[in-house]
Amino acid sequence: MSRSLALAAAVAVLLGAPGAGHAQDPPPNPHVVIETSMGDITVELFRSRATVSVVNFLTYVQAGFYDGTIFHRVIRNLIIQGGGLEQDHTPRVEGLRGPILNEATNRLQNRRGTIAMARLGTPNSARAQFFINVGHNDPFNHRNTTPQGYGYAVFGRVVDGMDVVDDISRVRTTRVDRMNDVPRENVVIRTIRRIDP
């Protein structure tokens, strides 16, 4: 090997250039803290398994869309859902983006502690709202491509603060207009902020 080729190879190793003989570690999954009026919940987001959902969620986080919204649907031992309603129970529309692709086919399961995108009756209708699974919710998993069987896309998991999730799931609820399972006292999402893992 000539001296110039040997020098180029050494520089490539030092700079980590492609073909330098080692693979670069993938970046760690992003984490967020959901600061609520009942405590903080830290969530790891599965960037490689649910790219569309994670990018969508982080775009709303960066824009401050969730600040001051509420957990508006709380079902004991099932889910806590939020991220789309104001404290007077009206929809938050300013800053709302279009619907996204449903990634429920990623084989991530709606198990206790996972976070998933909430949606309407059609599969690709999720926008900003999300829910945290309080129990193992196998009926929410992808079964087939029909509207009834498509499922809900998991895109992360709670890594700290599951006790807060449980506390929220146990609050007393009531009916507001046409909505059931609404907390009698607002559970406010003060902010969601991204943190380094």
Protein backbone atom coordinates (compact mmCIF):
# COMPACT_ATOMS: atom_id res chain seq x y z
CA MET A 1 0.00 0.00 0.00
CA SER A 2 1.38 3.41 -0.92
CA ARG A 3 1.98 5.99 1.76
CA SER A 4 -0.86 8.20 0.45
CA LEU A 5 -3.35 5.31 0.51
CA ALA A 6 -2.32 4.36 4.04
CA LEU A 7 -2.76 7.96 5.18
CA ALA A 8 -6.20 8.15 3.57
CA ALA A 9 -7.24 4.91 5.29
CA ALA A 10 -6.08 6.22 8.66
CA VAL A 11 -8.00 9.49 8.21
CA ALA A 12 -11.11 7.53 7.22
CA VAL A 13 -10.90 5.51 10.43
CA LEU A 14 -10.43 8.62 12.57
CA LEU A 15 -13.34 10.47 10.95
CA GLY A 16 -15.65 7.45 10.94
CA ALA A 17 -16.12 7.58 7.21
CA PRO A 18 -18.28 4.92 5.52
CA GLY A 19 -16.33 1.74 4.93
CA ALA A 20 -13.99 2.49 7.83
CA GLY A 21 -14.58 -0.96 9.29
CA HIS A 22 -17.13 -0.18 12.02
CA ALA A 23 -20.83 0.56 12.15
CA GLN A 24 -22.13 3.72 13.76
CA ASP A 25 -24.55 3.18 16.63
CA PRO A 26 -28.10 4.37 15.88
CA PRO A 27 -29.18 7.49 17.77
CA PRO A 28 -31.08 6.83 21.00
CA ASN A 29 -34.85 7.04 20.96
CA PRO A 30 -36.20 10.49 21.81
CA HIS A 31 -37.87 10.97 25.20
CA VAL A 32 -40.52 13.46 26.30
CA VAL A 33 -41.90 14.49 29.66
CA ILE A 34 -45.66 15.02 29.86
CA GLU A 35 -46.10 17.51 32.70
CA THR A 36 -49.62 17.20 34.10
CA SER A 37 -51.51 18.74 36.99
CA MET A 38 -51.19 15.36 38.72
CA GLY A 39 -47.48 14.73 38.10
CA ASP A 40 -44.97 13.99 35.35
CA ILE A 41 -44.92 11.08 32.88
CA THR A 42 -41.74 10.28 30.92
CA VAL A 43 -42.19 8.53 27.58
CA GLU A 44 -39.71 6.89 25.23
CA LEU A 45 -40.70 7.24 21.57
CA PHE A 46 -40.04 4.35 19.15
CA ARG A 47 -38.63 6.37 16.26
CA SER A 48 -37.56 3.46 14.03
CA ARG A 49 -40.74 1.40 14.53
CA ALA A 50 -43.29 4.24 14.24
CA THR A 51 -41.57 7.02 12.33
CA VAL A 52 -44.68 8.79 11.05
CA SER A 53 -46.39 8.84 14.46
CA VAL A 54 -43.23 9.96 16.30
CA VAL A 55 -42.44 12.78 13.86
CA ASN A 56 -46.08 13.91 13.97
CA PHE A 57 -46.15 13.86 17.78
CA LEU A 58 -42.83 15.69 18.15
CA THR A 59 -43.98 18.34 15.66
CA TYR A 60 -46.94 19.09 17.93
CA VAL A 61 -44.65 19.03 20.98
CA GLN A 62 -42.22 21.50 19.42
CA ALA A 63 -45.08 23.81 18.45
CA GLY A 64 -46.47 23.81 22.03
CA PHE A 65 -49.80 22.48 20.73
CA TYR A 66 -50.44 20.31 23.78
CA ASP A 67 -49.79 23.02 26.36
CA GLY A 68 -52.91 23.59 28.46
CA THR A 69 -54.97 20.78 26.90
CA ILE A 70 -56.57 18.10 29.08
CA PHE A 71 -56.95 14.37 29.48
CA HIS A 72 -60.59 14.38 28.42
CA ARG A 73 -61.32 10.63 28.35
CA VAL A 74 -60.37 8.48 31.32
CA ILE A 75 -61.46 4.87 31.73
CA ARG A 76 -60.21 3.03 34.81
CA ASN A 77 -57.77 0.19 34.03
CA LEU A 78 -58.15 0.87 30.28
CA ILE A 79 -56.85 4.21 28.91
CA ILE A 80 -56.26 7.88 29.56
CA GLN A 81 -56.73 9.97 26.40
CA GLY A 82 -55.79 13.58 25.75
CA GLY A 83 -54.06 16.10 23.57
CA GLY A 84 -56.93 17.66 21.67
CA LEU A 85 -59.39 19.48 23.94
CA GLU A 86 -59.25 22.81 25.72
CA GLN A 87 -60.04 23.08 29.43
CA ASP A 88 -63.61 24.12 28.55
CA HIS A 89 -63.91 20.83 26.60
CA THR A 90 -63.93 22.47 23.16
CA PRO A 91 -61.59 21.10 20.47
CA ARG A 92 -58.23 22.81 20.03
CA VAL A 93 -58.05 23.62 16.33
CA GLU A 94 -55.34 26.28 16.05
CA GLY A 95 -52.19 24.52 14.89
CA LEU A 96 -53.98 21.25 14.13
CA ARG A 97 -52.36 19.38 11.25
CA GLY A 98 -53.83 16.90 8.79
CA PRO A 99 -54.42 13.17 9.47
CA ILE A 100 -51.50 10.73 9.32
CA LEU A 101 -50.83 7.20 8.17
CA ASN A 102 -51.90 4.53 10.66
CA GLU A 103 -48.83 2.51 11.65
CA ALA A 104 -50.70 -0.16 13.62
CA THR A 105 -49.17 -2.77 11.30
CA ASN A 106 -45.79 -2.23 13.02
CA ARG A 107 -46.58 -5.16 15.38
CA LEU A 108 -46.17 -3.03 18.49
CA GLN A 109 -48.82 -4.16 20.97
CA ASN A 110 -51.21 -2.02 23.02
CA ARG A 111 -49.81 -3.28 26.31
CA ARG A 112 -49.91 -1.55 29.69
CA GLY A 113 -47.75 1.57 29.63
CA THR A 114 -47.61 2.05 25.86
CA ILE A 115 -48.71 5.26 24.16
CA ALA A 116 -50.73 5.14 20.92
CA MET A 117 -52.40 7.49 18.48
CA ALA A 118 -56.12 8.06 18.98
CA ARG A 119 -58.23 8.23 15.84
CA LEU A 120 -61.74 8.37 14.44
CA GLY A 121 -63.56 5.44 12.82
CA THR A 122 -61.39 5.30 9.72
CA PRO A 123 -57.84 3.89 10.00
CA ASN A 124 -55.84 6.90 8.72
CA SER A 125 -57.60 9.60 10.75
CA ALA A 126 -55.21 10.19 13.68
CA ARG A 127 -54.01 13.74 14.14
CA ALA A 128 -52.91 15.10 17.54
CA GLN A 129 -54.75 13.08 20.17
CA PHE A 130 -53.07 10.17 21.91
CA PHE A 131 -53.81 7.71 24.69
CA ILE A 132 -51.79 5.78 27.23
CA ASN A 133 -52.80 2.18 27.82
CA VAL A 134 -53.46 1.55 31.51
CA GLY A 135 -54.17 -2.14 30.90
CA HIS A 136 -53.26 -4.74 28.28
CA ASN A 137 -55.64 -3.76 25.47
CA ASP A 138 -55.32 -6.55 22.91
CA PRO A 139 -58.54 -5.53 21.08
CA PHE A 140 -56.73 -2.31 20.07
CA ASN A 141 -54.05 -4.23 18.15
CA HIS A 142 -54.00 -4.63 14.36
CA ARG A 143 -55.96 -7.68 13.21
CA ASN A 144 -56.84 -6.92 9.59
CA THR A 145 -57.23 -4.01 7.16
CA THR A 146 -60.92 -3.34 7.78
CA PRO A 147 -61.87 -0.15 9.67
CA GLN A 148 -62.90 -2.31 12.64
CA GLY A 149 -59.75 -4.42 12.66
CA TYR A 150 -57.00 -2.00 11.71
CA GLY A 151 -56.13 -1.08 15.28
CA TYR A 152 -54.33 1.81 16.97
CA ALA A 153 -50.68 2.66 16.33
CA VAL A 154 -48.37 2.32 19.32
CA PHE A 155 -45.41 4.70 19.09
CA GLY A 156 -43.79 4.67 22.53
CA ARG A 157 -43.89 3.55 26.15
CA VAL A 158 -43.91 5.09 29.61
CA VAL A 159 -40.50 4.71 31.26
CA ASP A 160 -41.26 6.74 34.39
CA GLY A 161 -44.46 7.99 36.00
CA MET A 162 -46.75 5.01 35.50
CA ASP A 163 -48.03 5.72 39.00
CA VAL A 164 -49.24 9.09 37.69
CA VAL A 165 -50.98 7.34 34.78
CA ASP A 166 -52.71 5.02 37.26
CA ASP A 167 -53.75 7.97 39.45
CA ILE A 168 -55.24 9.78 36.45
CA SER A 169 -57.12 6.63 35.42
CA ARG A 170 -58.81 6.52 38.83
CA VAL A 171 -60.23 10.04 38.93
CA ARG A 172 -64.00 10.45 39.15
CA THR A 173 -65.65 11.01 35.78
CA THR A 174 -68.90 12.40 34.43
CA ARG A 175 -70.68 13.13 31.16
CA VAL A 176 -70.09 16.45 29.39
CA ASP A 177 -72.36 17.18 26.44
CA ARG A 178 -72.07 14.00 24.34
CA MET A 179 -68.82 12.80 25.90
CA ASN A 180 -68.64 10.08 28.54
CA ASP A 181 -65.74 9.35 30.91
CA VAL A 182 -64.73 13.00 31.33
CA PRO A 183 -62.85 13.81 34.57
CA ARG A 184 -65.00 15.84 36.97
CA GLU A 185 -61.97 18.02 37.65
CA ASN A 186 -59.70 18.80 34.72
CA VAL A 187 -56.46 16.86 34.47
CA VAL A 188 -54.35 19.41 32.63
CA ILE A 189 -51.40 18.74 30.34
CA ARG A 190 -49.31 21.73 31.35
CA THR A 191 -46.73 21.05 28.66
CA ILE A 192 -44.93 18.26 26.85
CA ARG A 193 -41.19 18.80 26.45
CA ARG A 194 -38.50 16.77 24.75
CA ILE A 195 -35.54 15.67 26.86
CA ASP A 196 -32.27 13.95 26.06
CA PRO A 197 -32.30 10.27 27.07
